[in-house]
C-alpha cells in the first residue's frame, strides 16, 4: 500500500498530524508526502517526523508539474506516479 499525502505548511503545524500517516505495519508499505516548494513550512516537520520512523519506507517529494489548477491537485498527480505499490490511499 502507498499512502499519498499532499501537504501545505498550514496543514501540518501540529506534528501529530504527520505521525498519523507514518506508522506502517507492513514492510512493503510506503508513505509519500509532497510539497510544491522546498521552502514550505511543512518540510522541516515532515523530515523531523520521518527520522522518528526510520523502519518504514518514507519519501518527501518536492515540486510538482503543471497538473491541475490547485497546488494539491498538482501534488496528487506526482504522488500517484511516484508510488511503488498498486494500492493507493
N, C-alpha and C. Protein backbone atom coordinates (compact mmCIF):
# COMPACT_ATOMS: atom_id res chain seq x y z
N UNK A 1 0.85 -1.17 0.00
CA UNK A 1 0.00 0.00 0.00
C UNK A 1 0.90 1.24 0.00
N UNK A 2 0.51 2.24 -0.76
CA UNK A 2 1.19 3.53 -0.78
C UNK A 2 0.23 4.58 -0.23
N UNK A 3 0.62 5.23 0.85
CA UNK A 3 -0.16 6.31 1.43
C UNK A 3 0.36 7.61 0.83
N UNK A 4 -0.51 8.35 0.16
CA UNK A 4 -0.13 9.57 -0.54
C UNK A 4 -0.70 10.77 0.19
N UNK A 5 0.16 11.74 0.53
CA UNK A 5 -0.31 12.89 1.28
C UNK A 5 0.28 14.18 0.73
N UNK A 6 -0.51 14.93 -0.05
CA UNK A 6 -0.07 16.27 -0.43
C UNK A 6 -0.19 17.18 0.79
N UNK A 7 0.80 18.04 1.00
CA UNK A 7 0.76 18.90 2.19
C UNK A 7 1.11 20.34 1.83
N UNK A 8 0.59 21.22 2.64
CA UNK A 8 0.96 22.63 2.65
C UNK A 8 1.29 22.97 4.09
N UNK A 9 2.17 23.92 4.32
CA UNK A 9 2.62 24.26 5.67
C UNK A 9 1.51 24.45 6.67
N UNK A 10 0.44 25.10 6.27
CA UNK A 10 -0.65 25.36 7.20
C UNK A 10 -1.38 24.07 7.58
N UNK A 11 -1.28 23.05 6.75
CA UNK A 11 -1.96 21.79 7.05
C UNK A 11 -1.31 21.04 8.21
N UNK A 12 -0.02 21.24 8.40
CA UNK A 12 0.73 20.38 9.32
C UNK A 12 1.46 21.14 10.41
N UNK A 13 0.86 22.16 10.94
CA UNK A 13 1.51 22.87 12.05
C UNK A 13 1.60 22.01 13.29
N UNK A 14 0.72 21.06 13.40
CA UNK A 14 0.73 20.12 14.52
C UNK A 14 1.45 18.85 14.07
N UNK A 15 2.64 18.55 14.63
CA UNK A 15 3.40 17.37 14.18
C UNK A 15 2.64 16.05 14.32
N UNK A 16 1.65 15.99 15.20
CA UNK A 16 0.91 14.73 15.34
C UNK A 16 0.14 14.40 14.07
N UNK A 17 -0.19 15.39 13.27
CA UNK A 17 -0.89 15.11 12.01
C UNK A 17 0.00 14.34 11.05
N UNK A 18 1.28 14.62 11.06
CA UNK A 18 2.22 13.87 10.21
C UNK A 18 2.35 12.46 10.74
N UNK A 19 2.48 12.32 12.03
CA UNK A 19 2.69 10.99 12.63
C UNK A 19 1.53 10.04 12.36
N UNK A 20 0.35 10.57 12.14
CA UNK A 20 -0.80 9.71 11.84
C UNK A 20 -0.58 8.89 10.58
N UNK A 21 0.23 9.38 9.68
CA UNK A 21 0.45 8.70 8.41
C UNK A 21 1.66 7.78 8.44
N UNK A 22 2.56 7.93 9.41
CA UNK A 22 3.84 7.24 9.35
C UNK A 22 3.89 5.81 9.87
N UNK A 23 3.29 5.48 10.97
CA UNK A 23 3.47 4.10 11.46
C UNK A 23 2.81 3.10 10.52
N UNK A 24 3.60 2.28 9.90
CA UNK A 24 3.10 1.26 8.98
C UNK A 24 3.54 -0.10 9.49
N UNK A 25 2.65 -1.08 9.43
CA UNK A 25 2.93 -2.41 9.97
C UNK A 25 3.50 -3.38 8.95
N UNK A 26 3.50 -3.01 7.70
CA UNK A 26 3.91 -3.95 6.67
C UNK A 26 5.16 -3.44 5.96
N UNK A 27 6.12 -4.32 5.71
CA UNK A 27 7.39 -3.88 5.16
C UNK A 27 7.31 -3.29 3.76
N UNK A 28 6.28 -3.62 2.99
CA UNK A 28 6.17 -3.09 1.63
C UNK A 28 5.40 -1.77 1.56
N UNK A 29 4.79 -1.36 2.68
CA UNK A 29 4.06 -0.10 2.69
C UNK A 29 5.02 1.06 2.55
N UNK A 30 4.54 2.13 1.97
CA UNK A 30 5.32 3.36 1.88
C UNK A 30 4.42 4.55 2.15
N UNK A 31 5.02 5.62 2.60
CA UNK A 31 4.31 6.87 2.82
C UNK A 31 5.01 7.94 2.01
N UNK A 32 4.25 8.62 1.16
CA UNK A 32 4.80 9.68 0.32
C UNK A 32 4.12 11.00 0.67
N UNK A 33 4.92 12.00 0.99
CA UNK A 33 4.42 13.35 1.20
C UNK A 33 4.91 14.19 0.02
N UNK A 34 4.14 15.21 -0.36
CA UNK A 34 4.56 16.09 -1.46
C UNK A 34 4.28 17.54 -1.09
N UNK A 35 5.25 18.38 -1.40
CA UNK A 35 5.11 19.83 -1.28
C UNK A 35 5.50 20.45 -2.61
N UNK A 36 4.97 21.61 -2.89
CA UNK A 36 5.31 22.28 -4.15
C UNK A 36 6.66 22.99 -4.09
N UNK A 37 7.07 23.39 -2.89
CA UNK A 37 8.26 24.22 -2.75
C UNK A 37 9.06 23.75 -1.53
N UNK A 38 10.39 23.70 -1.66
CA UNK A 38 11.21 23.26 -0.53
C UNK A 38 11.25 24.28 0.61
N UNK A 39 10.67 25.45 0.40
CA UNK A 39 10.58 26.46 1.47
C UNK A 39 9.27 26.34 2.24
N UNK A 40 8.43 25.40 1.88
CA UNK A 40 7.16 25.19 2.56
C UNK A 40 7.41 24.90 4.03
N UNK A 41 6.59 25.46 4.90
CA UNK A 41 6.74 25.28 6.34
C UNK A 41 6.61 23.82 6.78
N UNK A 42 5.98 22.99 5.97
CA UNK A 42 5.79 21.58 6.33
C UNK A 42 7.07 20.77 6.16
N UNK A 43 8.00 21.22 5.33
CA UNK A 43 9.20 20.43 5.01
C UNK A 43 9.99 20.04 6.25
N UNK A 44 10.39 20.98 7.13
CA UNK A 44 11.16 20.57 8.31
C UNK A 44 10.39 19.62 9.22
N UNK A 45 9.07 19.83 9.33
CA UNK A 45 8.27 18.97 10.20
C UNK A 45 8.19 17.55 9.64
N UNK A 46 8.01 17.43 8.33
CA UNK A 46 7.93 16.11 7.70
C UNK A 46 9.28 15.40 7.85
N UNK A 47 10.36 16.10 7.59
CA UNK A 47 11.69 15.49 7.70
C UNK A 47 11.99 15.06 9.12
N UNK A 48 11.65 15.89 10.10
CA UNK A 48 11.87 15.52 11.50
C UNK A 48 11.05 14.29 11.88
N UNK A 49 9.81 14.27 11.48
CA UNK A 49 8.95 13.13 11.80
C UNK A 49 9.46 11.85 11.15
N UNK A 50 10.00 11.96 9.95
CA UNK A 50 10.49 10.77 9.26
C UNK A 50 11.67 10.15 10.00
N UNK A 51 12.45 10.97 10.69
CA UNK A 51 13.58 10.42 11.46
C UNK A 51 13.10 9.58 12.64
N UNK A 52 11.88 9.83 13.10
CA UNK A 52 11.33 9.06 14.21
C UNK A 52 10.77 7.72 13.75
N UNK A 53 10.66 7.50 12.45
CA UNK A 53 10.12 6.27 11.90
C UNK A 53 11.03 5.75 10.79
N UNK A 54 12.27 5.40 11.12
CA UNK A 54 13.22 5.01 10.08
C UNK A 54 12.95 3.65 9.45
N UNK A 55 12.14 2.82 10.07
CA UNK A 55 11.97 1.46 9.55
C UNK A 55 11.08 1.41 8.31
N UNK A 56 10.15 2.34 8.18
CA UNK A 56 9.23 2.29 7.05
C UNK A 56 9.78 3.02 5.85
N UNK A 57 9.20 2.75 4.70
CA UNK A 57 9.56 3.49 3.50
C UNK A 57 8.89 4.86 3.59
N UNK A 58 9.67 5.87 3.39
CA UNK A 58 9.18 7.23 3.55
C UNK A 58 9.86 8.12 2.53
N UNK A 59 9.07 8.94 1.83
CA UNK A 59 9.68 9.88 0.89
C UNK A 59 8.95 11.21 0.95
N UNK A 60 9.73 12.26 0.82
CA UNK A 60 9.20 13.60 0.68
C UNK A 60 9.54 14.07 -0.72
N UNK A 61 8.52 14.36 -1.52
CA UNK A 61 8.71 14.82 -2.89
C UNK A 61 8.52 16.33 -2.92
N UNK A 62 9.46 17.02 -3.53
CA UNK A 62 9.40 18.48 -3.62
C UNK A 62 9.23 18.86 -5.08
N UNK A 63 8.25 19.69 -5.34
CA UNK A 63 7.99 20.15 -6.70
C UNK A 63 6.91 19.33 -7.36
N UNK A 64 6.15 19.99 -8.19
CA UNK A 64 5.07 19.30 -8.91
C UNK A 64 4.95 19.90 -10.30
N UNK A 65 4.59 19.05 -11.23
CA UNK A 65 4.41 19.51 -12.60
C UNK A 65 3.08 20.25 -12.72
N UNK A 66 2.84 20.81 -13.86
CA UNK A 66 1.61 21.55 -14.12
C UNK A 66 0.47 20.57 -14.37
N UNK A 67 -0.08 20.03 -13.30
CA UNK A 67 -1.16 19.05 -13.36
C UNK A 67 -2.31 19.60 -12.54
N UNK A 68 -3.31 20.15 -13.17
CA UNK A 68 -4.43 20.73 -12.45
C UNK A 68 -4.18 22.19 -12.11
N UNK A 69 -5.15 22.79 -11.47
CA UNK A 69 -5.05 24.21 -11.16
C UNK A 69 -4.76 24.48 -9.69
N UNK A 70 -5.03 23.53 -8.83
CA UNK A 70 -4.80 23.73 -7.40
C UNK A 70 -3.50 23.04 -7.00
N UNK A 71 -2.77 23.60 -6.02
CA UNK A 71 -1.50 23.01 -5.61
C UNK A 71 -1.61 21.55 -5.20
N UNK A 72 -2.65 21.20 -4.46
CA UNK A 72 -2.76 19.81 -4.02
C UNK A 72 -3.09 18.88 -5.17
N UNK A 73 -3.77 19.36 -6.18
CA UNK A 73 -4.02 18.55 -7.37
C UNK A 73 -2.74 18.25 -8.11
N UNK A 74 -1.87 19.24 -8.20
CA UNK A 74 -0.58 19.05 -8.84
C UNK A 74 0.23 18.01 -8.08
N UNK A 75 0.22 18.11 -6.77
CA UNK A 75 0.95 17.17 -5.93
C UNK A 75 0.39 15.76 -6.06
N UNK A 76 -0.93 15.63 -6.13
CA UNK A 76 -1.56 14.31 -6.21
C UNK A 76 -1.12 13.56 -7.47
N UNK A 77 -1.02 14.27 -8.57
CA UNK A 77 -0.55 13.64 -9.81
C UNK A 77 0.85 13.09 -9.67
N UNK A 78 1.73 13.86 -9.06
CA UNK A 78 3.10 13.38 -8.88
C UNK A 78 3.15 12.23 -7.89
N UNK A 79 2.41 12.32 -6.81
CA UNK A 79 2.39 11.25 -5.82
C UNK A 79 1.96 9.93 -6.45
N UNK A 80 0.91 9.97 -7.25
CA UNK A 80 0.40 8.74 -7.88
C UNK A 80 1.44 8.14 -8.82
N UNK A 81 2.16 8.98 -9.55
CA UNK A 81 3.19 8.48 -10.47
C UNK A 81 4.38 7.89 -9.73
N UNK A 82 4.73 8.47 -8.58
CA UNK A 82 5.91 8.03 -7.83
C UNK A 82 5.64 6.80 -6.95
N UNK A 83 4.38 6.52 -6.67
CA UNK A 83 4.03 5.40 -5.78
C UNK A 83 4.55 4.08 -6.35
N UNK A 84 5.04 3.23 -5.47
CA UNK A 84 5.60 1.95 -5.90
C UNK A 84 4.64 0.78 -5.72
N UNK A 85 3.50 1.02 -5.12
CA UNK A 85 2.54 -0.06 -4.88
C UNK A 85 1.26 0.17 -5.68
N UNK A 86 0.51 -0.90 -5.86
CA UNK A 86 -0.72 -0.81 -6.65
C UNK A 86 -1.87 -0.18 -5.88
N UNK A 87 -1.91 -0.36 -4.56
CA UNK A 87 -2.99 0.18 -3.74
C UNK A 87 -2.56 1.56 -3.26
N UNK A 88 -3.36 2.57 -3.62
CA UNK A 88 -3.07 3.95 -3.24
C UNK A 88 -4.12 4.43 -2.25
N UNK A 89 -3.66 5.06 -1.19
CA UNK A 89 -4.56 5.60 -0.17
C UNK A 89 -4.25 7.08 0.01
